[in-house]
């Protein structure tokens, strides 16, 4: 007699769906550069231009907080599996983008819209490869660091564990993506420094409250089940 598989918890089910959506939308949001308001002034103080960041960072910050929340609630192995499964929607969205871009536009489609769509959705193999590699390394690093810190601190200092893991993984993400996608195309030093500084600031400000929100939501969902 075979035993039935263990039911999937509500929190893991919900976070997995949300995680897959953020993986797909991050690349699209990255087409827009956004100012950081008062934080932008940090750049000129360090000899850089005003700090700005590609908008995909907000989706990526949700990815790292979701994977950290899953690690907190369900363990490191489950969080790593979530990251691995995330490759599927990421690669599928890239392949679909290539197919749609290659398909001829309808004759009555506004040429300006067709051109804008191609500009926004298009990319080079180096950009796509950089996105895939940076995603895998940075998200795995985030889960690993979060789990190691939890091993030292137990369930204490959730905000600090999540922020430290996010900051270091976002630095790795920027180094990998910018280097793979743009090295040799133009000087990347200022871009690297500006992006890393912006992501560190955003991770420190946004990750702590979001991780408490997600872990609290996850525990509430699991209690209801």
N, C-alpha and C. Protein backbone atom coordinates (compact mmCIF):
# COMPACT_ATOMS: atom_id res chain seq x y z
N UNK A 1 0.85 -1.19 0.00
CA UNK A 1 0.00 0.00 0.00
C UNK A 1 0.89 1.24 0.00
N UNK A 2 0.70 2.11 -0.97
CA UNK A 2 1.52 3.30 -1.07
C UNK A 2 0.94 4.41 -0.22
N UNK A 3 1.82 5.18 0.39
CA UNK A 3 1.37 6.29 1.21
C UNK A 3 1.14 7.50 0.33
N UNK A 4 0.17 8.32 0.69
CA UNK A 4 -0.13 9.52 -0.08
C UNK A 4 0.91 10.59 0.22
N UNK A 5 1.25 11.43 -0.78
CA UNK A 5 2.25 12.47 -0.54
C UNK A 5 1.76 13.50 0.47
N UNK A 6 2.72 14.10 1.17
CA UNK A 6 2.38 15.13 2.15
C UNK A 6 1.76 16.32 1.44
N UNK A 7 0.70 16.91 2.01
CA UNK A 7 0.07 18.06 1.36
C UNK A 7 1.01 19.26 1.34
N UNK A 8 0.90 20.06 0.29
CA UNK A 8 1.70 21.28 0.16
C UNK A 8 1.10 22.36 1.05
N UNK A 9 1.92 22.99 1.85
CA UNK A 9 1.42 24.02 2.76
C UNK A 9 0.91 25.21 1.96
N UNK A 10 -0.04 25.93 2.55
CA UNK A 10 -0.60 27.10 1.86
C UNK A 10 0.46 28.17 1.61
N UNK A 11 1.33 28.37 2.58
CA UNK A 11 2.34 29.42 2.41
C UNK A 11 3.29 29.08 1.27
N UNK A 12 3.73 27.83 1.19
CA UNK A 12 4.66 27.44 0.13
C UNK A 12 3.99 27.51 -1.23
N UNK A 13 2.73 27.11 -1.31
CA UNK A 13 1.99 27.18 -2.57
C UNK A 13 1.87 28.63 -3.03
N UNK A 14 1.44 29.51 -2.12
CA UNK A 14 1.26 30.91 -2.49
C UNK A 14 2.57 31.60 -2.84
N UNK A 15 3.61 31.36 -2.03
CA UNK A 15 4.89 31.99 -2.30
C UNK A 15 5.50 31.49 -3.61
N UNK A 16 5.29 30.22 -3.93
CA UNK A 16 5.85 29.67 -5.17
C UNK A 16 5.23 30.34 -6.40
N UNK A 17 3.91 30.54 -6.38
CA UNK A 17 3.25 31.22 -7.50
C UNK A 17 3.74 32.66 -7.62
N UNK A 18 3.81 33.34 -6.49
CA UNK A 18 4.27 34.73 -6.49
C UNK A 18 5.72 34.83 -6.97
N UNK A 19 6.55 33.89 -6.54
CA UNK A 19 7.96 33.87 -6.92
C UNK A 19 8.11 33.72 -8.43
N UNK A 20 7.34 32.80 -9.02
CA UNK A 20 7.42 32.62 -10.47
C UNK A 20 7.02 33.87 -11.23
N UNK A 21 6.01 34.57 -10.74
CA UNK A 21 5.61 35.81 -11.40
C UNK A 21 6.67 36.88 -11.33
N UNK A 22 7.34 37.00 -10.18
CA UNK A 22 8.39 38.00 -10.04
C UNK A 22 9.61 37.68 -10.91
N UNK A 23 9.91 36.39 -11.09
CA UNK A 23 11.01 36.00 -11.97
C UNK A 23 10.76 36.51 -13.38
N UNK A 24 9.53 36.38 -13.85
CA UNK A 24 9.20 36.77 -15.22
C UNK A 24 9.14 38.28 -15.40
N UNK A 25 8.60 38.99 -14.43
CA UNK A 25 8.38 40.43 -14.62
C UNK A 25 9.63 41.25 -14.36
N UNK A 26 10.61 40.70 -13.66
CA UNK A 26 11.79 41.48 -13.30
C UNK A 26 12.52 42.01 -14.53
N UNK A 27 12.67 41.14 -15.54
CA UNK A 27 13.38 41.57 -16.74
C UNK A 27 12.65 42.67 -17.50
N UNK A 28 11.32 42.62 -17.50
CA UNK A 28 10.54 43.65 -18.18
C UNK A 28 10.66 44.98 -17.45
N UNK A 29 10.55 44.94 -16.12
CA UNK A 29 10.66 46.18 -15.34
C UNK A 29 12.03 46.80 -15.46
N UNK A 30 13.05 45.96 -15.71
CA UNK A 30 14.41 46.46 -15.81
C UNK A 30 14.65 47.41 -16.97
N UNK A 31 13.68 47.54 -17.87
CA UNK A 31 13.84 48.46 -19.00
C UNK A 31 13.71 49.92 -18.58
N UNK A 32 13.23 50.17 -17.36
CA UNK A 32 13.08 51.55 -16.90
C UNK A 32 14.06 51.85 -15.79
N UNK A 33 14.75 52.98 -15.89
CA UNK A 33 15.61 53.47 -14.83
C UNK A 33 14.80 54.42 -13.94
N UNK A 34 14.89 54.25 -12.65
CA UNK A 34 14.12 55.09 -11.73
C UNK A 34 15.07 55.80 -10.78
N UNK A 35 14.72 57.04 -10.44
CA UNK A 35 15.49 57.80 -9.48
C UNK A 35 15.15 57.33 -8.07
N UNK A 36 16.05 57.55 -7.15
CA UNK A 36 15.86 57.10 -5.77
C UNK A 36 15.54 58.26 -4.83
N UNK A 37 15.11 59.38 -5.40
CA UNK A 37 14.72 60.51 -4.56
C UNK A 37 15.89 61.05 -3.76
N UNK A 38 15.70 61.31 -2.46
CA UNK A 38 16.79 61.85 -1.65
C UNK A 38 18.03 60.97 -1.61
N UNK A 39 17.82 59.64 -1.75
CA UNK A 39 18.96 58.71 -1.74
C UNK A 39 19.88 58.96 -2.93
N UNK A 40 19.35 59.51 -4.02
CA UNK A 40 20.16 59.76 -5.21
C UNK A 40 21.33 60.69 -4.94
N UNK A 41 21.21 61.53 -3.89
CA UNK A 41 22.27 62.49 -3.58
C UNK A 41 23.53 61.81 -3.06
N UNK A 42 23.44 60.54 -2.68
CA UNK A 42 24.64 59.83 -2.21
C UNK A 42 25.66 59.73 -3.34
N UNK A 43 25.19 59.57 -4.58
CA UNK A 43 26.09 59.42 -5.71
C UNK A 43 27.04 60.59 -5.89
N UNK A 44 26.53 61.84 -6.04
CA UNK A 44 27.43 62.99 -6.18
C UNK A 44 28.39 63.15 -5.00
N UNK A 45 27.97 62.76 -3.81
CA UNK A 45 28.86 62.87 -2.64
C UNK A 45 30.05 61.94 -2.76
N UNK A 46 29.90 60.87 -3.57
CA UNK A 46 30.99 59.92 -3.77
C UNK A 46 31.66 60.08 -5.13
N UNK A 47 31.36 61.19 -5.80
CA UNK A 47 31.98 61.44 -7.09
C UNK A 47 31.29 60.76 -8.25
N UNK A 48 30.07 60.28 -8.06
CA UNK A 48 29.29 59.65 -9.12
C UNK A 48 28.16 60.58 -9.53
N UNK A 49 27.42 60.18 -10.55
CA UNK A 49 26.21 60.90 -10.89
C UNK A 49 25.11 60.56 -9.90
N UNK A 50 23.95 61.23 -9.99
CA UNK A 50 22.82 60.91 -9.11
C UNK A 50 22.45 59.43 -9.23
N UNK A 51 22.27 58.79 -8.10
CA UNK A 51 21.99 57.35 -8.11
C UNK A 51 20.63 57.06 -8.74
N UNK A 52 20.62 56.09 -9.61
CA UNK A 52 19.39 55.57 -10.19
C UNK A 52 19.55 54.07 -10.27
N UNK A 53 18.46 53.37 -10.44
CA UNK A 53 18.52 51.92 -10.48
C UNK A 53 17.47 51.42 -11.46
N UNK A 54 17.77 50.29 -12.12
CA UNK A 54 16.76 49.72 -13.01
C UNK A 54 15.63 49.16 -12.15
N UNK A 55 14.40 49.37 -12.62
CA UNK A 55 13.23 49.08 -11.80
C UNK A 55 13.06 47.60 -11.50
N UNK A 56 13.76 46.73 -12.23
CA UNK A 56 13.68 45.31 -11.93
C UNK A 56 14.18 44.96 -10.55
N UNK A 57 14.96 45.86 -9.92
CA UNK A 57 15.47 45.60 -8.58
C UNK A 57 14.34 45.37 -7.59
N UNK A 58 13.19 46.03 -7.79
CA UNK A 58 12.09 45.87 -6.84
C UNK A 58 11.52 44.45 -6.90
N UNK A 59 11.46 43.89 -8.11
CA UNK A 59 11.04 42.49 -8.23
C UNK A 59 12.09 41.56 -7.65
N UNK A 60 13.37 41.87 -7.88
CA UNK A 60 14.43 41.01 -7.34
C UNK A 60 14.48 41.07 -5.82
N UNK A 61 14.20 42.23 -5.23
CA UNK A 61 14.15 42.31 -3.77
C UNK A 61 13.01 41.46 -3.22
N UNK A 62 11.90 41.41 -3.95
CA UNK A 62 10.82 40.51 -3.54
C UNK A 62 11.25 39.05 -3.67
N UNK A 63 12.04 38.74 -4.71
CA UNK A 63 12.52 37.37 -4.88
C UNK A 63 13.39 36.95 -3.69
N UNK A 64 14.32 37.82 -3.28
CA UNK A 64 15.20 37.43 -2.19
C UNK A 64 14.43 37.34 -0.87
N UNK A 65 13.44 38.22 -0.66
CA UNK A 65 12.68 38.12 0.58
C UNK A 65 11.76 36.91 0.58
N UNK A 66 11.20 36.55 -0.59
CA UNK A 66 10.37 35.35 -0.66
C UNK A 66 11.20 34.11 -0.38
N UNK A 67 12.38 34.00 -1.02
CA UNK A 67 13.22 32.82 -0.79
C UNK A 67 13.70 32.77 0.66
N UNK A 68 13.99 33.93 1.27
CA UNK A 68 14.37 33.96 2.68
C UNK A 68 13.20 33.55 3.57
N UNK A 69 12.00 34.02 3.23
CA UNK A 69 10.82 33.63 4.02
C UNK A 69 10.56 32.13 3.92
N UNK A 70 10.73 31.57 2.73
CA UNK A 70 10.56 30.12 2.56
C UNK A 70 11.62 29.37 3.36
N UNK A 71 12.87 29.86 3.36
CA UNK A 71 13.92 29.22 4.16
C UNK A 71 13.60 29.29 5.65
N UNK A 72 13.03 30.41 6.08
CA UNK A 72 12.66 30.57 7.49
C UNK A 72 11.54 29.62 7.89
N UNK A 73 10.56 29.47 7.01
CA UNK A 73 9.37 28.67 7.33
C UNK A 73 9.54 27.19 7.01
N UNK A 74 10.26 26.87 5.95
CA UNK A 74 10.29 25.48 5.47
C UNK A 74 11.69 24.89 5.32
N UNK A 75 12.71 25.68 5.57
CA UNK A 75 14.06 25.14 5.55
C UNK A 75 14.83 25.47 4.28
N UNK A 76 16.15 25.34 4.38
CA UNK A 76 17.05 25.71 3.29
C UNK A 76 16.83 24.87 2.05
N UNK A 77 16.62 23.56 2.21
CA UNK A 77 16.48 22.68 1.05
C UNK A 77 15.27 23.07 0.20
N UNK A 78 14.16 23.39 0.85
CA UNK A 78 12.95 23.78 0.13
C UNK A 78 13.17 25.11 -0.59
N UNK A 79 13.84 26.06 0.08
CA UNK A 79 14.11 27.36 -0.54
C UNK A 79 15.03 27.20 -1.76
N UNK A 80 16.03 26.34 -1.66
CA UNK A 80 16.91 26.10 -2.81
C UNK A 80 16.15 25.46 -3.96
N UNK A 81 15.22 24.56 -3.65
CA UNK A 81 14.41 23.95 -4.70
C UNK A 81 13.54 25.01 -5.39
N UNK A 82 13.02 25.95 -4.62
CA UNK A 82 12.23 27.04 -5.19
C UNK A 82 13.07 27.85 -6.17
N UNK A 83 14.31 28.15 -5.79
CA UNK A 83 15.22 28.89 -6.68
C UNK A 83 15.47 28.10 -7.95
N UNK A 84 15.70 26.80 -7.83
CA UNK A 84 15.97 25.96 -9.00
C UNK A 84 14.77 25.91 -9.93
N UNK A 85 13.58 25.76 -9.37
CA UNK A 85 12.37 25.72 -10.21
C UNK A 85 12.16 27.07 -10.89
N UNK A 86 12.64 28.15 -10.27
CA UNK A 86 12.51 29.48 -10.86
C UNK A 86 13.19 29.62 -12.21
N UNK A 87 14.16 28.73 -12.50
CA UNK A 87 14.79 28.77 -13.83
C UNK A 87 13.76 28.49 -14.93
N UNK A 88 12.75 27.69 -14.64
CA UNK A 88 11.78 27.30 -15.68
C UNK A 88 11.02 28.52 -16.22
N UNK A 89 10.33 29.31 -15.36
CA UNK A 89 9.65 30.48 -15.92
C UNK A 89 10.61 31.51 -16.49
N UNK A 90 11.82 31.62 -15.92
CA UNK A 90 12.79 32.59 -16.44
C UNK A 90 13.19 32.23 -17.87
N UNK A 91 13.59 30.99 -18.09
CA UNK A 91 14.03 30.58 -19.43
C UNK A 91 12.85 30.55 -20.39
N UNK A 92 11.68 30.09 -19.92
CA UNK A 92 10.50 30.06 -20.79
C UNK A 92 10.11 31.46 -21.24
N UNK A 93 10.20 32.44 -20.35
CA UNK A 93 9.84 33.81 -20.72
C UNK A 93 10.81 34.38 -21.74
N UNK A 94 12.10 34.03 -21.62
CA UNK A 94 13.08 34.49 -22.61
C UNK A 94 12.80 33.86 -23.97
N UNK A 95 12.55 32.56 -23.98
CA UNK A 95 12.28 31.88 -25.25
C UNK A 95 11.00 32.41 -25.91
N UNK A 96 9.97 32.65 -25.12
CA UNK A 96 8.74 33.21 -25.67
C UNK A 96 8.98 34.61 -26.23
N UNK A 97 9.80 35.40 -25.54
CA UNK A 97 10.13 36.73 -26.04
C UNK A 97 10.82 36.65 -27.40
N UNK A 98 11.76 35.70 -27.54
CA UNK A 98 12.47 35.53 -28.81
C UNK A 98 11.49 35.14 -29.92
N UNK A 99 10.57 34.21 -29.62
CA UNK A 99 9.61 33.76 -30.63
C UNK A 99 8.66 34.88 -31.05
N UNK A 100 8.16 35.63 -30.05
CA UNK A 100 7.23 36.71 -30.36
C UNK A 100 7.92 37.82 -31.14
N UNK A 101 9.16 38.14 -30.79
CA UNK A 101 9.89 39.17 -31.52
C UNK A 101 10.17 38.74 -32.96
N UNK A 102 10.39 37.44 -33.16
CA UNK A 102 10.67 36.95 -34.51
C UNK A 102 9.41 36.86 -35.37
N UNK A 103 8.24 36.75 -34.73
CA UNK A 103 6.99 36.65 -35.49
C UNK A 103 6.66 38.00 -36.14
N UNK A 104 6.19 38.00 -37.38
CA UNK A 104 5.86 39.27 -38.04
C UNK A 104 4.66 39.95 -37.37
N UNK A 105 4.75 41.27 -37.26
CA UNK A 105 3.65 42.03 -36.67
C UNK A 105 2.47 42.08 -37.65
N UNK A 106 1.28 42.22 -37.10
CA UNK A 106 0.09 42.35 -37.94
C UNK A 106 0.19 43.61 -38.79
N UNK A 107 -0.37 43.56 -39.97
CA UNK A 107 -0.26 44.68 -40.89
C UNK A 107 -0.87 45.97 -40.38
N UNK A 108 -1.91 45.87 -39.56
CA UNK A 108 -2.57 47.08 -39.08
C UNK A 108 -2.05 47.53 -37.71
N UNK A 109 -0.97 46.92 -37.23
CA UNK A 109 -0.41 47.34 -35.95
C UNK A 109 0.35 48.65 -36.13
N UNK A 110 0.16 49.56 -35.22
CA UNK A 110 0.84 50.85 -35.26
C UNK A 110 2.35 50.62 -35.27
N UNK A 111 3.08 51.10 -36.28
CA UNK A 111 4.53 50.89 -36.35
C UNK A 111 5.27 51.40 -35.11
N UNK A 112 4.79 52.51 -34.54
CA UNK A 112 5.45 53.03 -33.35
C UNK A 112 5.33 52.05 -32.19
N UNK A 113 4.16 51.41 -32.05
CA UNK A 113 3.99 50.43 -30.99
C UNK A 113 4.85 49.21 -31.23
N UNK A 114 4.94 48.76 -32.48
CA UNK A 114 5.78 47.61 -32.81
C UNK A 114 7.24 47.90 -32.50
N UNK A 115 7.69 49.11 -32.83
CA UNK A 115 9.07 49.47 -32.56
C UNK A 115 9.34 49.57 -31.07
N UNK A 116 8.40 50.15 -30.33
CA UNK A 116 8.56 50.27 -28.88
C UNK A 116 8.58 48.89 -28.21
N UNK A 117 7.73 47.98 -28.70
CA UNK A 117 7.70 46.63 -28.14
C UNK A 117 9.03 45.93 -28.38
N UNK A 118 9.55 46.04 -29.60
CA UNK A 118 10.82 45.40 -29.93
C UNK A 118 11.96 45.98 -29.08
N UNK A 119 11.92 47.29 -28.86
CA UNK A 119 12.96 47.93 -28.06
C UNK A 119 12.91 47.46 -26.61
N UNK A 120 11.69 47.34 -26.08
CA UNK A 120 11.54 46.98 -24.68
C UNK A 120 11.83 45.50 -24.43
N UNK A 121 11.36 44.62 -25.30
CA UNK A 121 11.45 43.19 -25.08
C UNK A 121 12.72 42.58 -25.67
N UNK A 122 13.40 43.31 -26.54
CA UNK A 122 14.59 42.76 -27.17
C UNK A 122 15.76 42.69 -26.22
N UNK A 123 16.72 41.89 -26.56
CA UNK A 123 17.93 41.75 -25.76
C UNK A 123 18.97 40.99 -26.55
N UNK A 124 20.21 41.02 -26.08
CA UNK A 124 21.27 40.28 -26.73
C UNK A 124 21.50 38.97 -25.99
N UNK A 125 22.12 38.00 -26.63
CA UNK A 125 22.43 36.75 -25.92
C UNK A 125 23.25 36.98 -24.65
N UNK A 126 24.12 37.99 -24.66
CA UNK A 126 24.92 38.27 -23.46
C UNK A 126 24.04 38.77 -22.32
N UNK A 127 23.06 39.59 -22.64
CA UNK A 127 22.16 40.09 -21.59
C UNK A 127 21.32 38.95 -21.03
N UNK A 128 20.80 38.10 -21.91
CA UNK A 128 20.00 36.97 -21.43
C UNK A 128 20.84 36.00 -20.61
N UNK A 129 22.06 35.71 -21.08
CA UNK A 129 22.93 34.80 -20.33
C UNK A 129 23.30 35.41 -18.99
N UNK A 130 23.59 36.72 -18.99
CA UNK A 130 23.92 37.38 -17.73
C UNK A 130 22.78 37.32 -16.74
N UNK A 131 21.54 37.50 -17.23
CA UNK A 131 20.39 37.44 -16.35
C UNK A 131 20.20 36.07 -15.73
N UNK A 132 20.36 35.02 -16.54
CA UNK A 132 20.18 33.65 -16.04
C UNK A 132 21.25 33.30 -15.01
N UNK A 133 22.51 33.60 -15.34
CA UNK A 133 23.61 33.26 -14.42
C UNK A 133 23.51 34.07 -13.14
N UNK A 134 23.27 35.37 -13.27
CA UNK A 134 23.18 36.22 -12.08
C UNK A 134 22.02 35.79 -11.19
N UNK A 135 20.89 35.42 -11.81
CA UNK A 135 19.75 34.95 -11.02
C UNK A 135 20.13 33.71 -10.20
N UNK A 136 20.69 32.71 -10.86
CA UNK A 136 21.00 31.46 -10.18
C UNK A 136 21.99 31.63 -9.04
N UNK A 137 23.07 32.36 -9.31
CA UNK A 137 24.11 32.53 -8.30
C UNK A 137 23.62 33.40 -7.14
N UNK A 138 23.00 34.53 -7.45
CA UNK A 138 22.61 35.46 -6.39
C UNK A 138 21.50 34.89 -5.51
N UNK A 139 20.51 34.22 -6.12
CA UNK A 139 19.43 33.67 -5.31
C UNK A 139 19.90 32.50 -4.45
N UNK A 140 20.78 31.66 -5.01
CA UNK A 140 21.33 30.56 -4.22
C UNK A 140 22.19 31.11 -3.08
N UNK A 141 22.97 32.15 -3.37
CA UNK A 141 23.80 32.77 -2.33
C UNK A 141 22.92 33.37 -1.24
N UNK A 142 21.81 34.00 -1.62
CA UNK A 142 20.91 34.58 -0.62
C UNK A 142 20.38 33.52 0.34
N UNK A 143 19.90 32.40 -0.21
CA UNK A 143 19.37 31.33 0.64
C UNK A 143 20.48 30.76 1.52
N UNK A 144 21.66 30.55 0.95
CA UNK A 144 22.78 29.97 1.70
C UNK A 144 23.19 30.87 2.87
N UNK A 145 23.34 32.16 2.61
CA UNK A 145 23.74 33.09 3.66
C UNK A 145 22.67 33.20 4.73
N UNK A 146 21.42 33.27 4.30
CA UNK A 146 20.33 33.38 5.27
C UNK A 146 20.30 32.15 6.17
N UNK A 147 20.47 30.96 5.58
CA UNK A 147 20.44 29.73 6.37
C UNK A 147 21.64 29.66 7.32
N UNK A 148 22.81 30.08 6.86
CA UNK A 148 23.99 30.06 7.72
C UNK A 148 23.83 31.00 8.90
N UNK A 149 23.30 32.19 8.64
CA UNK A 149 23.07 33.14 9.73
C UNK A 149 22.02 32.63 10.71
N UNK A 150 21.02 31.93 10.18
CA UNK A 150 20.01 31.36 11.08
C UNK A 150 20.63 30.28 11.95
N UNK A 151 21.59 29.54 11.40
CA UNK A 151 22.28 28.53 12.20
C UNK A 151 23.04 29.13 13.36
N UNK A 152 23.51 30.38 13.20
CA UNK A 152 24.23 31.06 14.27
C UNK A 152 23.29 31.77 15.25
N UNK A 153 22.25 32.36 14.71
CA UNK A 153 21.38 33.21 15.53
C UNK A 153 20.06 32.54 15.91
N UNK A 154 19.77 31.37 15.35
CA UNK A 154 18.48 30.76 15.58
C UNK A 154 17.39 31.57 14.90
N UNK A 155 16.26 31.71 15.53
CA UNK A 155 15.15 32.47 14.94
C UNK A 155 15.20 33.95 15.30
N UNK A 156 16.27 34.39 15.92
CA UNK A 156 16.38 35.80 16.31
C UNK A 156 16.87 36.65 15.13
N UNK A 157 16.69 37.94 15.27
CA UNK A 157 17.24 38.92 14.32
C UNK A 157 16.87 38.60 12.88
N UNK A 158 15.61 38.29 12.65
CA UNK A 158 15.15 37.96 11.29
C UNK A 158 15.46 39.09 10.32
N UNK A 159 15.21 40.33 10.75
CA UNK A 159 15.44 41.48 9.87
C UNK A 159 16.90 41.61 9.46
N UNK A 160 17.80 41.37 10.41
CA UNK A 160 19.23 41.51 10.12
C UNK A 160 19.72 40.38 9.22
N UNK A 161 19.28 39.16 9.49
CA UNK A 161 19.68 38.03 8.65
C UNK A 161 19.24 38.23 7.21
N UNK A 162 17.99 38.67 7.05
CA UNK A 162 17.46 38.88 5.70
C UNK A 162 18.18 40.02 4.99
N UNK A 163 18.45 41.11 5.70
CA UNK A 163 19.10 42.27 5.09
C UNK A 163 20.52 41.95 4.67
N UNK A 164 21.28 41.28 5.53
CA UNK A 164 22.67 40.94 5.19
C UNK A 164 22.72 40.00 3.99
N UNK A 165 21.87 38.97 4.00
CA UNK A 165 21.84 38.04 2.88
C UNK A 165 21.45 38.75 1.59
N UNK A 166 20.48 39.66 1.67
CA UNK A 166 20.04 40.38 0.49
C UNK A 166 21.14 41.30 -0.04
N UNK A 167 21.80 42.04 0.84
CA UNK A 167 22.84 42.97 0.42
C UNK A 167 23.96 42.25 -0.30
N UNK A 168 24.46 41.17 0.28
CA UNK A 168 25.58 40.46 -0.33
C UNK A 168 25.18 39.77 -1.63
N UNK A 169 23.98 39.22 -1.67
CA UNK A 169 23.54 38.55 -2.89
C UNK A 169 23.27 39.56 -4.01
N UNK A 170 22.81 40.76 -3.65
CA UNK A 170 22.57 41.79 -4.67
C UNK A 170 23.89 42.33 -5.23
N UNK A 171 24.92 42.41 -4.39
CA UNK A 171 26.24 42.78 -4.90
C UNK A 171 26.74 41.75 -5.90
N UNK A 172 26.58 40.47 -5.56
CA UNK A 172 26.99 39.41 -6.49
C UNK A 172 26.18 39.47 -7.78
N UNK A 173 24.88 39.72 -7.67
CA UNK A 173 24.02 39.81 -8.84
C UNK A 173 24.50 40.91 -9.78
N UNK A 174 24.81 42.08 -9.22
CA UNK A 174 25.26 43.21 -10.04
C UNK A 174 26.59 42.92 -10.70
N UNK A 175 27.55 42.39 -9.94
CA UNK A 175 28.87 42.07 -10.50
C UNK A 175 28.74 41.10 -11.67
N UNK A 176 27.95 40.06 -11.50
CA UNK A 176 27.83 39.05 -12.55
C UNK A 176 27.09 39.59 -13.77
N UNK A 177 25.92 40.20 -13.54
CA UNK A 177 25.11 40.63 -14.68
C UNK A 177 25.80 41.71 -15.49
N UNK A 178 26.27 42.75 -14.84
CA UNK A 178 26.87 43.87 -15.57
C UNK A 178 28.13 43.41 -16.29
N UNK A 179 28.95 42.58 -15.65
CA UNK A 179 30.19 42.11 -16.28
C UNK A 179 29.89 41.24 -17.50
N UNK A 180 28.98 40.28 -17.33
CA UNK A 180 28.67 39.37 -18.44
C UNK A 180 27.99 40.11 -19.58
N UNK A 181 27.07 41.01 -19.26
CA UNK A 181 26.27 41.66 -20.29
C UNK A 181 27.00 42.79 -20.99
N UNK A 182 27.87 43.53 -20.27
CA UNK A 182 28.37 44.78 -20.84
C UNK A 182 29.89 44.94 -20.86
N UNK A 183 30.64 43.99 -20.29
CA UNK A 183 32.10 44.14 -20.29
C UNK A 183 32.63 44.16 -21.73
N UNK A 184 33.43 45.16 -22.02
CA UNK A 184 33.96 45.31 -23.37
C UNK A 184 33.08 46.13 -24.29
N UNK A 185 31.82 46.34 -23.89
CA UNK A 185 30.90 47.17 -24.69
C UNK A 185 31.11 48.64 -24.35
N UNK A 186 31.22 48.93 -23.05
CA UNK A 186 31.52 50.29 -22.57
C UNK A 186 32.13 50.15 -21.18
N UNK A 187 32.77 51.21 -20.66
CA UNK A 187 33.34 51.14 -19.31
C UNK A 187 32.24 50.87 -18.27
N UNK A 188 32.46 49.88 -17.43
CA UNK A 188 31.40 49.46 -16.51
C UNK A 188 31.68 49.81 -15.05
N UNK A 189 32.83 50.43 -14.77
CA UNK A 189 33.18 50.69 -13.38
C UNK A 189 32.17 51.55 -12.65
N UNK A 190 31.80 52.68 -13.25
CA UNK A 190 30.85 53.58 -12.59
C UNK A 190 29.47 52.95 -12.49
N UNK A 191 29.08 52.21 -13.52
CA UNK A 191 27.78 51.52 -13.49
C UNK A 191 27.75 50.49 -12.36
N UNK A 192 28.82 49.71 -12.23
CA UNK A 192 28.89 48.72 -11.16
C UNK A 192 28.77 49.37 -9.79
N UNK A 193 29.57 50.40 -9.56
CA UNK A 193 29.57 51.04 -8.25
C UNK A 193 28.22 51.67 -7.94
N UNK A 194 27.66 52.37 -8.91
CA UNK A 194 26.37 53.02 -8.69
C UNK A 194 25.25 52.03 -8.43
N UNK A 195 25.21 50.95 -9.23
CA UNK A 195 24.16 49.95 -9.05
C UNK A 195 24.30 49.22 -7.71
N UNK A 196 25.53 48.87 -7.34
CA UNK A 196 25.73 48.16 -6.08
C UNK A 196 25.36 49.04 -4.90
N UNK A 197 25.75 50.30 -4.95
CA UNK A 197 25.43 51.22 -3.86
C UNK A 197 23.92 51.40 -3.72
N UNK A 198 23.24 51.56 -4.86
CA UNK A 198 21.78 51.72 -4.83
C UNK A 198 21.11 50.47 -4.28
N UNK A 199 21.58 49.30 -4.70
CA UNK A 199 20.95 48.06 -4.24
C UNK A 199 21.21 47.80 -2.76
N UNK A 200 22.39 48.17 -2.28
CA UNK A 200 22.68 48.03 -0.86
C UNK A 200 21.73 48.90 -0.04
N UNK A 201 21.54 50.15 -0.48
CA UNK A 201 20.65 51.06 0.24
C UNK A 201 19.22 50.53 0.23
N UNK A 202 18.74 50.08 -0.94
CA UNK A 202 17.38 49.58 -1.03
C UNK A 202 17.19 48.31 -0.21
N UNK A 203 18.20 47.42 -0.22
CA UNK A 203 18.10 46.19 0.58
C UNK A 203 18.01 46.52 2.06
N UNK A 204 18.81 47.49 2.51
CA UNK A 204 18.80 47.85 3.92
C UNK A 204 17.48 48.48 4.33
N UNK A 205 16.86 49.24 3.42
CA UNK A 205 15.63 49.95 3.76
C UNK A 205 14.37 49.09 3.60
N UNK A 206 14.32 48.28 2.54
CA UNK A 206 13.08 47.61 2.18
C UNK A 206 12.97 46.17 2.67
N UNK A 207 14.09 45.46 2.73
CA UNK A 207 14.01 44.03 3.06
C UNK A 207 13.52 43.78 4.49
N UNK A 208 14.03 44.48 5.52
CA UNK A 208 13.56 44.17 6.88
C UNK A 208 12.05 44.20 7.06
N UNK A 209 11.33 45.27 6.66
CA UNK A 209 9.88 45.23 6.87
C UNK A 209 9.18 44.18 6.01
N UNK A 210 9.68 43.96 4.79
CA UNK A 210 9.01 43.00 3.90
C UNK A 210 9.17 41.58 4.42
N UNK A 211 10.34 41.23 4.96
CA UNK A 211 10.54 39.86 5.44
C UNK A 211 9.61 39.55 6.62
N UNK A 212 9.41 40.53 7.50
CA UNK A 212 8.48 40.30 8.61
C UNK A 212 7.06 40.14 8.09
N UNK A 213 6.69 40.91 7.07
CA UNK A 213 5.36 40.80 6.50
C UNK A 213 5.15 39.43 5.88
N UNK A 214 6.13 38.95 5.12
CA UNK A 214 5.98 37.67 4.42
C UNK A 214 5.99 36.49 5.40
N UNK A 215 6.88 36.51 6.36
CA UNK A 215 6.93 35.41 7.33
C UNK A 215 5.65 35.39 8.16
N UNK A 216 5.18 36.57 8.56
CA UNK A 216 3.92 36.61 9.31
C UNK A 216 2.75 36.11 8.49
N UNK A 217 2.70 36.49 7.21
CA UNK A 217 1.64 36.01 6.32
C UNK A 217 1.73 34.51 6.15
N UNK A 218 2.95 34.00 5.96
CA UNK A 218 3.12 32.56 5.77
C UNK A 218 2.66 31.77 6.98
N UNK A 219 3.01 32.21 8.16
CA UNK A 219 2.60 31.51 9.37
C UNK A 219 1.08 31.56 9.55
N UNK A 220 0.48 32.67 9.19
CA UNK A 220 -0.98 32.79 9.30
C UNK A 220 -1.66 31.82 8.30
N UNK A 221 -1.14 31.76 7.08
CA UNK A 221 -1.72 30.84 6.09
C UNK A 221 -1.60 29.40 6.54
N UNK A 222 -0.46 29.03 7.12
CA UNK A 222 -0.25 27.65 7.55
C UNK A 222 -1.10 27.31 8.77
N UNK A 223 -1.35 28.27 9.63
CA UNK A 223 -2.23 28.01 10.77
C UNK A 223 -3.66 27.75 10.30
N UNK A 224 -4.09 28.47 9.27
CA UNK A 224 -5.45 28.28 8.74
C UNK A 224 -5.64 26.90 8.12
N UNK A 225 -4.54 26.33 7.63
CA UNK A 225 -4.67 25.00 7.02
C UNK A 225 -4.62 23.89 8.06
